[in-house]
PDB file of N, CA and C in Angstrom:
ATOM      1  N   MET A   1     164.519-111.399 -30.139  1.00  0.00           N
ATOM      2  CA  MET A   1     163.508-110.387 -29.542  1.00  0.00           C
ATOM      3  C   MET A   1     164.039-109.984 -28.344  1.00  0.00           C
ATOM      4  N   LYS A   2     164.383-108.751 -28.163  1.00  0.00           N
ATOM      5  CA  LYS A   2     164.507-108.173 -26.981  1.00  0.00           C
ATOM      6  C   LYS A   2     163.587-107.336 -26.020  1.00  0.00           C
ATOM      7  N   PRO A   3     163.155-108.040 -24.817  1.00  0.00           N
ATOM      8  CA  PRO A   3     162.628-107.886 -23.846  1.00  0.00           C
ATOM      9  C   PRO A   3     162.819-105.983 -23.803  1.00  0.00           C
ATOM     10  N   VAL A   4     161.474-105.013 -23.413  1.00  0.00           N
ATOM     11  CA  VAL A   4     161.847-104.195 -22.693  1.00  0.00           C
ATOM     12  C   VAL A   4     160.728-103.444 -21.614  1.00  0.00           C
ATOM     13  N   ALA A   5     161.530-103.370 -20.138  1.00  0.00           N
ATOM     14  CA  ALA A   5     159.721-102.707 -18.961  1.00  0.00           C
ATOM     15  C   ALA A   5     159.902-101.372 -19.355  1.00  0.00           C
ATOM     16  N   ILE A   6     158.329-101.523 -19.585  1.00  0.00           N
ATOM     17  CA  ILE A   6     158.156 -99.755 -19.187  1.00  0.00           C
ATOM     18  C   ILE A   6     158.206 -99.290 -18.422  1.00  0.00           C
ATOM     19  N   ARG A   7     158.202 -98.170 -17.754  1.00  0.00           N
ATOM     20  CA  ARG A   7     157.864 -96.918 -16.449  1.00  0.00           C
ATOM     21  C   ARG A   7     156.899 -96.278 -16.688  1.00  0.00           C
ATOM     22  N   TYR A   8     155.924 -95.878 -16.361  1.00  0.00           N
ATOM     23  CA  TYR A   8     155.431 -94.938 -15.723  1.00  0.00           C
ATOM     24  C   TYR A   8     155.642 -93.972 -15.601  1.00  0.00           C
ATOM     25  N   VAL A   9     155.918 -93.004 -15.600  1.00  0.00           N
ATOM     26  CA  VAL A   9     156.594 -91.445 -14.602  1.00  0.00           C
ATOM     27  C   VAL A   9     155.702 -90.394 -15.001  1.00  0.00           C
ATOM     28  N   ARG A  10     155.750 -89.624 -13.731  1.00  0.00           N
ATOM     29  CA  ARG A  10     154.909 -88.635 -14.127  1.00  0.00           C
ATOM     30  C   ARG A  10     156.133 -86.337 -14.272  1.00  0.00           C
ATOM     31  N   ASP A  11     157.642 -87.456 -14.250  1.00  0.00           N
ATOM     32  CA  ASP A  11     158.221 -86.515 -13.906  1.00  0.00           C
ATOM     33  C   ASP A  11     159.661 -87.008 -14.634  1.00  0.00           C
ATOM     34  N   MET A  12     159.323 -87.091 -16.285  1.00  0.00           N
ATOM     35  CA  MET A  12     160.561 -87.236 -17.323  1.00  0.00           C
ATOM     36  C   MET A  12     161.819 -87.046 -16.843  1.00  0.00           C
ATOM     37  N   ALA A  13     162.014 -85.910 -16.712  1.00  0.00           N
ATOM     38  CA  ALA A  13     163.461 -85.413 -16.761  1.00  0.00           C
ATOM     39  C   ALA A  13     164.394 -85.064 -15.315  1.00  0.00           C
ATOM     40  N   THR A  14     163.403 -85.925 -14.237  1.00  0.00           N
ATOM     41  CA  THR A  14     163.922 -86.517 -13.086  1.00  0.00           C
ATOM     42  C   THR A  14     164.104 -87.845 -13.089  1.00  0.00           C
ATOM     43  N   ALA A  15     163.195 -88.392 -13.651  1.00  0.00           N
ATOM     44  CA  ALA A  15     163.536 -89.762 -14.524  1.00  0.00           C
ATOM     45  C   ALA A  15     164.788 -89.960 -14.906  1.00  0.00           C
ATOM     46  N   ARG A  16     164.816 -89.594 -16.053  1.00  0.00           N
ATOM     47  CA  ARG A  16     165.906 -89.765 -16.765  1.00  0.00           C
ATOM     48  C   ARG A  16     167.286 -89.348 -16.231  1.00  0.00           C
ATOM     49  N   ASP A  17     167.373 -88.769 -15.307  1.00  0.00           N
ATOM     50  CA  ASP A  17     168.560 -88.532 -14.586  1.00  0.00           C
ATOM     51  C   ASP A  17     168.821 -89.119 -13.534  1.00  0.00           C
ATOM     52  N   PHE A  18     167.657 -89.900 -12.987  1.00  0.00           N
ATOM     53  CA  PHE A  18     168.179 -90.729 -12.074  1.00  0.00           C
ATOM     54  C   PHE A  18     168.949 -91.815 -13.021  1.00  0.00           C
ATOM     55  N   TYR A  19     167.855 -92.463 -14.244  1.00  0.00           N
ATOM     56  CA  TYR A  19     168.068 -93.764 -14.123  1.00  0.00           C
ATOM     57  C   TYR A  19     169.892 -93.558 -15.051  1.00  0.00           C
ATOM     58  N   ALA A  20     169.929 -92.441 -15.229  1.00  0.00           N
ATOM     59  CA  ALA A  20     171.247 -92.235 -16.149  1.00  0.00           C
ATOM     60  C   ALA A  20     172.357 -92.870 -15.203  1.00  0.00           C
ATOM     61  N   ALA A  21     172.062 -91.862 -13.910  1.00  0.00           N
ATOM     62  CA  ALA A  21     173.104 -91.981 -12.763  1.00  0.00           C
ATOM     63  C   ALA A  21     173.144 -94.009 -12.406  1.00  0.00           C
ATOM     64  N   LEU A  22     172.189 -94.347 -12.470  1.00  0.00           N
ATOM     65  CA  LEU A  22     172.368 -95.822 -12.598  1.00  0.00           C
ATOM     66  C   LEU A  22     173.124 -96.006 -13.237  1.00  0.00           C
ATOM     67  N   GLY A  23     173.402 -95.943 -14.909  1.00  0.00           N
ATOM     68  CA  GLY A  23     174.310 -96.193 -15.467  1.00  0.00           C
ATOM     69  C   GLY A  23     173.688 -97.138 -16.224  1.00  0.00           C
ATOM     70  N   LEU A  24     172.451 -95.867 -16.877  1.00  0.00           N
ATOM     71  CA  LEU A  24     171.600 -96.692 -18.059  1.00  0.00           C
ATOM     72  C   LEU A  24     172.032 -95.016 -19.109  1.00  0.00           C
ATOM     73  N   ASP A  25     171.712 -95.435 -20.473  1.00  0.00           N
ATOM     74  CA  ASP A  25     172.701 -94.002 -21.292  1.00  0.00           C
ATOM     75  C   ASP A  25     171.193 -94.091 -22.076  1.00  0.00           C
ATOM     76  N   LEU A  26     171.272 -92.911 -22.338  1.00  0.00           N
ATOM     77  CA  LEU A  26     169.785 -92.373 -23.543  1.00  0.00           C
ATOM     78  C   LEU A  26     170.127 -93.216 -25.097  1.00  0.00           C
ATOM     79  N   ASP A  27     169.148 -93.791 -25.536  1.00  0.00           N
ATOM     80  CA  ASP A  27     169.552 -94.450 -26.681  1.00  0.00           C
ATOM     81  C   ASP A  27     168.024 -93.706 -27.474  1.00  0.00           C
ATOM     82  N   PHE A  28     166.938 -93.365 -27.450  1.00  0.00           N
ATOM     83  CA  PHE A  28     165.686 -92.582 -27.955  1.00  0.00           C
ATOM     84  C   PHE A  28     165.140 -92.291 -27.482  1.00  0.00           C
ATOM     85  N   ALA A  29     164.700 -91.060 -28.066  1.00  0.00           N
ATOM     86  CA  ALA A  29     163.726 -89.538 -26.855  1.00  0.00           C
ATOM     87  C   ALA A  29     162.903 -89.301 -28.050  1.00  0.00           C
ATOM     88  N   SER A  30     161.229 -89.052 -28.034  1.00  0.00           N
ATOM     89  CA  SER A  30     160.522 -88.999 -28.790  1.00  0.00           C
ATOM     90  C   SER A  30     160.440 -87.144 -28.162  1.00  0.00           C
ATOM     91  N   ARG A  31     159.763 -87.021 -30.285  1.00  0.00           N
ATOM     92  CA  ARG A  31     159.530 -85.280 -29.971  1.00  0.00           C
ATOM     93  C   ARG A  31     159.095 -85.299 -28.893  1.00  0.00           C
ATOM     94  N   PRO A  32     159.632 -83.313 -28.246  1.00  0.00           N
ATOM     95  CA  PRO A  32     158.667 -82.866 -27.318  1.00  0.00           C
ATOM     96  C   PRO A  32     156.982 -83.038 -27.783  1.00  0.00           C
ATOM     97  N   ASN A  33     156.783 -83.170 -26.355  1.00  0.00           N
ATOM     98  CA  ASN A  33     154.964 -83.034 -26.027  1.00  0.00           C
ATOM     99  C   ASN A  33     154.873 -81.328 -25.699  1.00  0.00           C
ATOM    100  N   ARG A  34     153.645 -80.940 -25.786  1.00  0.00           N
ATOM    101  CA  ARG A  34     153.684 -79.299 -25.073  1.00  0.00           C
ATOM    102  C   ARG A  34     154.187 -78.935 -23.857  1.00  0.00           C
ATOM    103  N   SER A  35     154.122 -79.392 -22.972  1.00  0.00           N
ATOM    104  CA  SER A  35     154.927 -79.519 -21.647  1.00  0.00           C
ATOM    105  C   SER A  35     156.384 -79.468 -22.516  1.00  0.00           C
ATOM    106  N   GLY A  36     157.245 -79.189 -23.595  1.00  0.00           N
ATOM    107  CA  GLY A  36     158.607 -79.334 -23.439  1.00  0.00           C
ATOM    108  C   GLY A  36     159.740 -80.462 -23.451  1.00  0.00           C
ATOM    109  N   HIS A  37     158.756 -81.551 -23.466  1.00  0.00           N
ATOM    110  CA  HIS A  37     159.353 -82.911 -22.465  1.00  0.00           C
ATOM    111  C   HIS A  37     159.111 -84.401 -23.521  1.00  0.00           C
ATOM    112  N   PRO A  38     159.871 -85.044 -24.031  1.00  0.00           N
ATOM    113  CA  PRO A  38     159.462 -86.330 -24.681  1.00  0.00           C
ATOM    114  C   PRO A  38     158.937 -86.698 -23.785  1.00  0.00           C
ATOM    115  N   ALA A  39     157.959 -87.213 -24.263  1.00  0.00           N
ATOM    116  CA  ALA A  39     156.796 -88.450 -24.490  1.00  0.00           C
ATOM    117  C   ALA A  39     157.280 -89.816 -24.010  1.00  0.00           C
ATOM    118  N   TRP A  40     158.293 -90.194 -24.484  1.00  0.00           N
ATOM    119  CA  TRP A  40     158.674 -91.625 -24.464  1.00  0.00           C
ATOM    120  C   TRP A  40     160.089 -91.557 -24.413  1.00  0.00           C
ATOM    121  N   VAL A  41     161.318 -92.294 -23.745  1.00  0.00           N
ATOM    122  CA  VAL A  41     162.445 -92.439 -23.657  1.00  0.00           C
ATOM    123  C   VAL A  41     162.547 -93.699 -23.264  1.00  0.00           C
ATOM    124  N   GLU A  42     164.005 -94.056 -24.191  1.00  0.00           N
ATOM    125  CA  GLU A  42     164.570 -95.619 -24.212  1.00  0.00           C
ATOM    126  C   GLU A  42     165.968 -95.800 -23.681  1.00  0.00           C
ATOM    127  N   LEU A  43     165.797 -96.390 -22.525  1.00  0.00           N
ATOM    128  CA  LEU A  43     167.806 -96.203 -22.092  1.00  0.00           C
ATOM    129  C   LEU A  43     168.036 -97.274 -22.442  1.00  0.00           C
ATOM    130  N   ALA A  44     169.568 -97.711 -22.184  1.00  0.00           N
ATOM    131  CA  ALA A  44     169.639 -98.685 -22.667  1.00  0.00           C
ATOM    132  C   ALA A  44     171.082 -98.949 -21.929  1.00  0.00           C
ATOM    133  N   GLY A  45     171.449-100.356 -21.412  1.00  0.00           N
ATOM    134  CA  GLY A  45     172.070-101.074 -20.687  1.00  0.00           C
ATOM    135  C   GLY A  45     172.391-101.738 -21.067  1.00  0.00           C
ATOM    136  N   THR A  46     173.785-102.791 -20.424  1.00  0.00           N
ATOM    137  CA  THR A  46     173.642-103.787 -21.275  1.00  0.00           C
ATOM    138  C   THR A  46     173.286-105.059 -21.731  1.00  0.00           C
ATOM    139  N   GLY A  47     173.007-105.412 -22.418  1.00  0.00           N
ATOM    140  CA  GLY A  47     171.599-106.234 -23.084  1.00  0.00           C
ATOM    141  C   GLY A  47     170.620-105.788 -22.647  1.00  0.00           C
ATOM    142  N   SER A  48     170.223-104.678 -22.077  1.00  0.00           N
ATOM    143  CA  SER A  48     168.612-104.849 -21.706  1.00  0.00           C
ATOM    144  C   SER A  48     168.561-102.869 -22.042  1.00  0.00           C
ATOM    145  N   GLY A  49     167.051-102.569 -21.447  1.00  0.00           N
ATOM    146  CA  GLY A  49     166.269-101.597 -21.923  1.00  0.00           C
ATOM    147  C   GLY A  49     165.210-101.284 -21.150  1.00  0.00           C
ATOM    148  N   LEU A  50     165.309-100.335 -21.607  1.00  0.00           N
ATOM    149  CA  LEU A  50     163.939 -99.554 -20.266  1.00  0.00           C
ATOM    150  C   LEU A  50     163.217 -98.446 -20.800  1.00  0.00           C
ATOM    151  N   ALA A  51     162.314 -98.728 -20.919  1.00  0.00           N
ATOM    152  CA  ALA A  51     161.514 -97.587 -21.467  1.00  0.00           C
ATOM    153  C   ALA A  51     160.755 -96.305 -20.311  1.00  0.00           C
ATOM    154  N   LEU A  52     161.122 -95.346 -20.628  1.00  0.00           N
ATOM    155  CA  LEU A  52     159.969 -94.514 -19.553  1.00  0.00           C
ATOM    156  C   LEU A  52     159.269 -93.901 -20.421  1.00  0.00           C
ATOM    157  N   HIS A  53     158.003 -93.979 -19.783  1.00  0.00           N
ATOM    158  CA  HIS A  53     156.771 -93.077 -20.699  1.00  0.00           C
ATOM    159  C   HIS A  53     156.175 -92.079 -19.853  1.00  0.00           C
ATOM    160  N   GLY A  54     155.898 -90.940 -20.658  1.00  0.00           N
ATOM    161  CA  GLY A  54     154.966 -89.902 -19.574  1.00  0.00           C
ATOM    162  C   GLY A  54     154.164 -90.115 -19.367  1.00  0.00           C
ATOM    163  N   LEU A  55     153.349 -89.832 -17.974  1.00  0.00           N
ATOM    164  CA  LEU A  55     151.995 -89.788 -17.193  1.00  0.00           C
ATOM    165  C   LEU A  55     152.143 -88.610 -16.754  1.00  0.00           C
ATOM    166  N   PRO A  56     150.651 -87.965 -17.495  1.00  0.00           N
ATOM    167  CA  PRO A  56     149.901 -87.082 -16.842  1.00  0.00           C
ATOM    168  C   PRO A  56     150.296 -86.938 -15.435  1.00  0.00           C
ATOM    169  N   ALA A  57     150.520 -85.418 -14.510  1.00  0.00           N
ATOM    170  CA  ALA A  57     150.198 -85.922 -13.516  1.00  0.00           C
ATOM    171  C   ALA A  57     149.084 -86.091 -12.575  1.00  0.00           C
ATOM    172  N   ASP A  58     147.495 -85.310 -13.849  1.00  0.00           N
ATOM    173  CA  ASP A  58     146.308 -85.708 -12.791  1.00  0.00           C
ATOM    174  C   ASP A  58     145.918 -86.915 -13.354  1.00  0.00           C
ATOM    175  N   ASP A  59     146.573 -88.148 -14.941  1.00  0.00           N
ATOM    176  CA  ASP A  59     146.029 -89.589 -14.834  1.00  0.00           C
ATOM    177  C   ASP A  59     146.531 -90.518 -13.220  1.00  0.00           C
ATOM    178  N   PRO A  60     144.828 -90.750 -13.147  1.00  0.00           N
ATOM    179  CA  PRO A  60     144.684 -91.583 -12.252  1.00  0.00           C
ATOM    180  C   PRO A  60     146.065 -93.024 -12.523  1.00  0.00           C
ATOM    181  N   LYS A  61     146.483 -93.584 -13.348  1.00  0.00           N
ATOM    182  CA  LYS A  61     146.769 -94.717 -13.249  1.00  0.00           C
ATOM    183  C   LYS A  61     147.867 -94.941 -12.583  1.00  0.00           C
ATOM    184  N   GLN A  62     148.139 -95.966 -12.018  1.00  0.00           N
ATOM    185  CA  GLN A  62     149.096 -96.591 -11.336  1.00  0.00           C
ATOM    186  C   GLN A  62     149.867 -97.474 -11.638  1.00  0.00           C
ATOM    187  N   ALA A  63     150.258 -98.168 -12.677  1.00  0.00           N
ATOM    188  CA  ALA A  63     151.007 -99.250 -13.024  1.00  0.00           C
ATOM    189  C   ALA A  63     152.414 -99.797 -12.330  1.00  0.00           C
ATOM    190  N   ALA A  64     151.529-101.136 -12.371  1.00  0.00           N
ATOM    191  CA  ALA A  64     152.603-102.287 -11.614  1.00  0.00           C
ATOM    192  C   ALA A  64     153.357-102.597 -12.181  1.00  0.00           C
ATOM    193  N   VAL A  65     154.428-102.662 -11.421  1.00  0.00           N
ATOM    194  CA  VAL A  65     155.934-102.848 -12.356  1.00  0.00           C
ATOM    195  C   VAL A  65     157.236-102.985 -10.854  1.00  0.00           C
ATOM    196  N   GLU A  66     158.141-103.488 -11.298  1.00  0.00           N
ATOM    197  CA  GLU A  66     159.230-104.073 -10.774  1.00  0.00           C
ATOM    198  C   GLU A  66     160.497-104.746 -11.129  1.00  0.00           C
ATOM    199  N   LEU A  67     161.497-103.571 -11.577  1.00  0.00           N
ATOM    200  CA  LEU A  67     162.735-103.191 -12.002  1.00  0.00           C
ATOM    201  C   LEU A  67     164.002-103.942 -10.948  1.00  0.00           C
ATOM    202  N   CYS A  68     164.797-104.604 -11.722  1.00  0.00           N
ATOM    203  CA  CYS A  68     165.750-105.618 -11.382  1.00  0.00           C
ATOM    204  C   CYS A  68     166.786-105.236 -12.078  1.00  0.00           C
ATOM    205  N   PHE A  69     167.940-104.635 -11.963  1.00  0.00           N
ATOM    206  CA  PHE A  69     169.489-104.339 -13.230  1.00  0.00           C
ATOM    207  C   PHE A  69     170.510-105.699 -12.949  1.00  0.00           C
ATOM    208  N   GLU A  70     171.139-106.241 -13.548  1.00  0.00           N
ATOM    209  CA  GLU A  70     171.989-107.247 -13.096  1.00  0.00           C
ATOM    210  C   GLU A  70     173.583-106.150 -13.491  1.00  0.00           C
ATOM    211  N   ALA A  71     174.539-105.498 -12.565  1.00  0.00           N
ATOM    212  CA  ALA A  71     175.152-104.901 -12.767  1.00  0.00           C
ATOM    213  C   ALA A  71     176.339-105.165 -13.539  1.00  0.00           C
ATOM    214  N   ASP A  72     176.724-104.119 -14.677  1.00  0.00           N
ATOM    215  CA  ASP A  72     178.391-105.182 -15.130  1.00  0.00           C
ATOM    216  C   ASP A  72     179.134-104.733 -14.377  1.00  0.00           C
ATOM    217  N   GLU A  73     179.481-103.954 -13.363  1.00  0.00           N
ATOM    218  CA  GLU A  73     180.170-103.481 -12.785  1.00  0.00           C
ATOM    219  C   GLU A  73     179.815-103.832 -11.033  1.00  0.00           C
ATOM    220  N   PRO A  74     181.510-103.831 -10.237  1.00  0.00           N
ATOM    221  CA  PRO A  74     181.016-104.164  -8.835  1.00  0.00           C
ATOM    222  C   PRO A  74     180.321-102.856  -8.070  1.00  0.00           C
ATOM    223  N   LEU A  75     179.622-102.960  -7.099  1.00  0.00           N
ATOM    224  CA  LEU A  75     177.827-102.767  -6.970  1.00  0.00           C
ATOM    225  C   LEU A  75     178.104-101.610  -6.182  1.00  0.00           C
ATOM    226  N   GLU A  76     179.365-101.710  -5.219  1.00  0.00           N
ATOM    227  CA  GLU A  76     179.788-100.629  -5.002  1.00  0.00           C
ATOM    228  C   GLU A  76     180.515 -98.859  -6.047  1.00  0.00           C
ATOM    229  N   ARG A  77     180.735 -99.223  -6.546  1.00  0.00           N
ATOM    230  CA  ARG A  77     180.725 -98.362  -8.412  1.00  0.00           C
ATOM    231  C   ARG A  77     178.936 -97.869  -8.118  1.00  0.00           C
ATOM    232  N   VAL A  78     178.189 -98.496  -8.457  1.00  0.00           N
ATOM    233  CA  VAL A  78     176.928 -97.998  -8.250  1.00  0.00           C
ATOM    234  C   VAL A  78     176.714 -97.391  -7.827  1.00  0.00           C
ATOM    235  N   VAL A  79     176.748 -97.826  -6.061  1.00  0.00           N
ATOM    236  CA  VAL A  79     176.022 -96.883  -4.889  1.00  0.00           C
ATOM    237  C   VAL A  79     176.754 -95.213  -5.448  1.00  0.00           C
ATOM    238  N   GLU A  80     178.352 -95.711  -5.523  1.00  0.00           N
ATOM    239  CA  GLU A  80     178.809 -94.078  -5.430  1.00  0.00           C
ATOM    240  C   GLU A  80     178.642 -93.805  -6.977  1.00  0.00           C
ATOM    241  N   ARG A  81     178.207 -93.531  -7.498  1.00  0.00           N
ATOM    242  CA  ARG A  81     178.077 -93.038  -9.262  1.00  0.00           C
ATOM    243  C   ARG A  81     176.170 -92.131  -7.830  1.00  0.00           C
ATOM    244  N   LEU A  82     175.673 -93.210  -7.592  1.00  0.00           N
ATOM    245  CA  LEU A  82     173.910 -92.697  -7.336  1.00  0.00           C
ATOM    246  C   LEU A  82     174.557 -91.633  -6.227  1.00  0.00           C
ATOM    247  N   ARG A  83     175.086 -92.079  -5.402  1.00  0.00           N
ATOM    248  CA  ARG A  83     175.154 -91.154  -4.193  1.00  0.00           C
ATOM    249  C   ARG A  83     176.453 -89.812  -5.046  1.00  0.00           C
ATOM    250  N   ALA A  84     176.764 -89.532  -5.738  1.00  0.00           N
ATOM    251  CA  ALA A  84     177.584 -88.547  -5.775  1.00  0.00           C
ATOM    252  C   ALA A  84     176.136 -87.826  -6.581  1.00  0.00           C
ATOM    253  N   ALA A  85     175.375 -88.501  -7.406  1.00  0.00           N
ATOM    254  CA  ALA A  85     174.084 -88.027  -8.167  1.00  0.00           C
ATOM    255  C   ALA A  85     173.070 -87.324  -7.049  1.00  0.00           C
ATOM    256  N   GLY A  86     172.923 -87.951  -6.228  1.00  0.00           N
ATOM    257  CA  GLY A  86     172.266 -87.376  -4.900  1.00  0.00           C
ATOM    258  C   GLY A  86     171.361 -88.421  -4.621  1.00  0.00           C
ATOM    259  N   TYR A  87     171.432 -89.232  -5.268  1.00  0.00           N
ATOM    260  CA  TYR A  87     170.678 -90.696  -4.543  1.00  0.00           C
ATOM    261  C   TYR A  87     171.032 -91.738  -3.382  1.00  0.00           C
ATOM    262  N   ALA A  88     170.275 -91.572  -2.325  1.00  0.00           N
ATOM    263  CA  ALA A  88     170.535 -93.130  -1.380  1.00  0.00           C
ATOM    264  C   ALA A  88     170.463 -94.296  -1.527  1.00  0.00           C
ATOM    265  N   ALA A  89     171.184 -95.198  -1.444  1.00  0.00           N
ATOM    266  CA  ALA A  89     170.531 -96.697  -1.319  1.00  0.00           C
ATOM    267  C   ALA A  89     169.538 -96.656  -0.528  1.00  0.00           C
ATOM    268  N   GLU A  90     168.644 -97.512  -0.567  1.00  0.00           N
ATOM    269  CA  GLU A  90     167.175 -97.941   0.566  1.00  0.00           C
ATOM    270  C   GLU A  90     167.972 -99.040   1.094  1.00  0.00           C
ATOM    271  N   SER A  91     168.966-100.089   0.730  1.00  0.00           N
ATOM    272  CA  SER A  91     169.749-101.056   1.559  1.00  0.00           C
ATOM    273  C   SER A  91     171.117-100.733   1.481  1.00  0.00           C
ATOM    274  N   ALA A  92     171.462-101.141   2.271  1.00  0.00           N
ATOM    275  CA  ALA A  92     173.267-101.708   2.425  1.00  0.00           C
ATOM    276  C   ALA A  92     173.189-102.693   1.289  1.00  0.00           C
ATOM    277  N   ILE A  93     173.853-103.322   0.567  1.00  0.00           N
ATOM    278  CA  ILE A  93     174.705-104.181  -0.336  1.00  0.00           C
ATOM    279  C   ILE A  93     174.814-105.371   0.581  1.00  0.00           C
ATOM    280  N   VAL A  94     174.244-106.582   0.219  1.00  0.00           N
ATOM    281  CA  VAL A  94     174.023-108.121   0.852  1.00  0.00           C
ATOM    282  C   VAL A  94     174.248-108.621   0.160  1.00  0.00           C
ATOM    283  N   ASP A  95     174.605-110.326   0.949  1.00  0.00           N
ATOM    284  CA  ASP A  95     175.187-111.669   0.215  1.00  0.00           C
ATOM    285  C   ASP A  95     174.142-112.282  -0.194  1.00  0.00           C
ATOM    286  N   GLU A  96     173.505-112.820  -1.029  1.00  0.00           N
ATOM    287  CA  GLU A  96     172.786-113.339  -2.096  1.00  0.00           C
ATOM    288  C   GLU A  96     173.151-114.574  -1.817  1.00  0.00           C
ATOM    289  N   SER A  97     172.239-115.834  -2.619  1.00  0.00           N
ATOM    290  CA  SER A  97     172.674-116.546  -2.573  1.00  0.00           C
ATOM    291  C   SER A  97     173.113-116.940  -4.720  1.00  0.00           C
ATOM    292  N   PHE A  98     172.786-115.836  -5.240  1.00  0.00           N
ATOM    293  CA  PHE A  98     173.108-115.398  -6.091  1.00  0.00           C
ATOM    294  C   PHE A  98     174.562-114.911  -6.885  1.00  0.00           C
ATOM    295  N   GLY A  99     174.860-114.161  -5.295  1.00  0.00           N
ATOM    296  CA  GLY A  99     176.020-113.147  -5.965  1.00  0.00           C
ATOM    297  C   GLY A  99     175.501-111.845  -4.450  1.00  0.00           C
ATOM    298  N   ARG A 100     175.525-111.033  -4.961  1.00  0.00           N
ATOM    299  CA  ARG A 100     175.147-109.914  -4.019  1.00  0.00           C
ATOM    300  C   ARG A 100     174.261-108.724  -4.299  1.00  0.00           C
ATOM    301  N   SER A 101     173.406-107.794  -3.620  1.00  0.00           N
ATOM    302  CA  SER A 101     172.530-106.929  -4.034  1.00  0.00           C
ATOM    303  C   SER A 101     172.663-105.635  -2.869  1.00  0.00           C
ATOM    304  N   PHE A 102     171.327-104.526  -3.562  1.00  0.00           N
ATOM    305  CA  PHE A 102     171.557-103.603  -2.140  1.00  0.00           C
ATOM    306  C   PHE A 102     170.138-103.042  -3.255  1.00  0.00           C
ATOM    307  N   THR A 103     169.374-102.176  -2.859  1.00  0.00           N
ATOM    308  CA  THR A 103     168.266-101.152  -3.552  1.00  0.00           C
ATOM    309  C   THR A 103     168.014-100.372  -3.449  1.00  0.00           C
ATOM    310  N   VAL A 104     166.988 -99.426  -4.790  1.00  0.00           N
ATOM    311  CA  VAL A 104     167.651 -98.120  -4.541  1.00  0.00           C
ATOM    312  C   VAL A 104     165.903 -97.594  -4.642  1.00  0.00           C
ATOM    313  N   ARG A 105     165.137 -96.653  -4.486  1.00  0.00           N
ATOM    314  CA  ARG A 105     164.204 -96.363  -5.026  1.00  0.00           C
ATOM    315  C   ARG A 105     164.142 -94.577  -6.299  1.00  0.00           C
ATOM    316  N   ASP A 106     163.652 -94.766  -7.080  1.00  0.00           N
ATOM    317  CA  ASP A 106     163.276 -94.364  -8.003  1.00  0.00           C
ATOM    318  C   ASP A 106     162.870 -92.791  -7.641  1.00  0.00           C
ATOM    319  N   PRO A 107     162.884 -92.062  -8.522  1.00  0.00           N
ATOM    320  CA  PRO A 107     162.589 -90.209  -7.620  1.00  0.00           C
ATOM    321  C   PRO A 107     160.821 -90.709  -7.274  1.00  0.00           C
ATOM    322  N   GLU A 108     160.180 -91.546  -8.458  1.00  0.00           N
ATOM    323  CA  GLU A 108     158.905 -91.821  -7.750  1.00  0.00           C
ATOM    324  C   GLU A 108     158.212 -92.977  -6.825  1.00  0.00           C
ATOM    325  N   GLY A 109     159.361 -92.911  -6.118  1.00  0.00           N
ATOM    326  CA  GLY A 109     159.321 -94.061  -5.116  1.00  0.00           C
ATOM    327  C   GLY A 109     159.469 -95.742  -4.797  1.00  0.00           C
ATOM    328  N   LEU A 110     159.463 -95.864  -6.279  1.00  0.00           N
ATOM    329  CA  LEU A 110     159.842 -97.690  -7.022  1.00  0.00           C
ATOM    330  C   LEU A 110     160.923 -97.659  -6.288  1.00  0.00           C
ATOM    331  N   LEU A 111     160.444 -98.984  -5.372  1.00  0.00           N
ATOM    332  CA  LEU A 111     162.061-100.180  -4.699  1.00  0.00           C
ATOM    333  C   LEU A 111     162.693-100.867  -6.426  1.00  0.00           C
ATOM    334  N   ILE A 112     163.864-100.141  -7.010  1.00  0.00           N
ATOM    335  CA  ILE A 112     164.459-100.948  -7.518  1.00  0.00           C
ATOM    336  C   ILE A 112     165.638-102.153  -6.905  1.00  0.00           C
ATOM    337  N   GLN A 113     165.952-103.383  -7.172  1.00  0.00           N
ATOM    338  CA  GLN A 113     167.283-104.233  -7.338  1.00  0.00           C
ATOM    339  C   GLN A 113     168.110-104.205  -7.617  1.00  0.00           C
ATOM    340  N   ILE A 114     169.065-103.394  -7.057  1.00  0.00           N
ATOM    341  CA  ILE A 114     169.986-103.919  -8.306  1.00  0.00           C
ATOM    342  C   ILE A 114     171.472-105.181  -8.148  1.00  0.00           C
ATOM    343  N   ASN A 115     171.640-106.005  -8.985  1.00  0.00           N
ATOM    344  CA  ASN A 115     172.348-107.194  -8.546  1.00  0.00           C
ATOM    345  C   ASN A 115     173.860-107.972  -8.993  1.00  0.00           C
ATOM    346  N   GLU A 116     174.580-108.464  -8.458  1.00  0.00           N
ATOM    347  CA  GLU A 116     175.778-108.151  -8.716  1.00  0.00           C
ATOM    348  C   GLU A 116     175.711-109.887  -8.978  1.00  0.00           C
ATOM    349  N   GLN A 117     175.898-110.866 -10.135  1.00  0.00           N
ATOM    350  CA  GLN A 117     175.848-111.913 -10.288  1.00  0.00           C
ATOM    351  C   GLN A 117     177.348-112.663  -9.790  1.00  0.00           C
ATOM    352  N   ASP A 118     177.179-114.242  -9.428  1.00  0.00           N
ATOM    353  CA  ASP A 118     178.904-114.284  -8.699  1.00  0.00           C
ATOM    354  C   ASP A 118     177.892-115.330  -9.447  1.00  0.00           C
ATOM    355  N   ARG A 119     178.941-115.951 -11.206  1.00  0.00           N
ATOM    356  CA  ARG A 119     178.545-116.942 -11.598  1.00  0.00           C
ATOM    357  C   ARG A 119     179.437-118.326 -11.112  1.00  0.00           C
ATOM    358  N   GLU A 120     180.225-118.509 -10.425  1.00  0.00           N
ATOM    359  CA  GLU A 120     180.513-119.491  -9.146  1.00  0.00           C
ATOM    360  C   GLU A 120     179.758-119.846  -8.046  1.00  0.00           C
ATOM    361  N   LEU A 121     178.521-119.229  -7.646  1.00  0.00           N
ATOM    362  CA  LEU A 121     177.531-119.865  -6.976  1.00  0.00           C
ATOM    363  C   LEU A 121     176.864-120.288  -8.055  1.00  0.00           C
ATOM    364  N   GLN A 122     176.865-120.570  -9.290  1.00  0.00           N
ATOM    365  CA  GLN A 122     175.554-121.021  -9.816  1.00  0.00           C
ATOM    366  C   GLN A 122     175.705-122.126 -10.099  1.00  0.00           C
ATOM    367  N   GLY A 123     175.104-123.114 -10.550  1.00  0.00           N
ATOM    368  CA  GLY A 123     175.124-124.613 -10.150  1.00  0.00           C
ATOM    369  C   GLY A 123     175.401-125.243 -11.592  1.00  0.00           C
TER     370      GLY A 123
END
């Protein structure tokens, strides 16, 4: 069984572009709704998945979610790919007890942590 995080978004197209810049590939998209956009999109990364679920602009639902991704490449490449797509990192790359990390906000303001694990630091 594979867990899949769900991120509720108001602007599906912008969210898809951001998560593609982060390095996730489109795996599945539902049929378009009346506005012409899919109501459900599944993105895949290495060994994990993220589903984007459309949320009408007038829906007061504020789903609480925290997202963290483990990069399978150096963080500098991830930061550069995001920058090239027009997204700025929220924080610099910092050393952690498990490796390194940085944060970035998705287009709707959710703070996301990107980790780079250093297996030699783990006991």
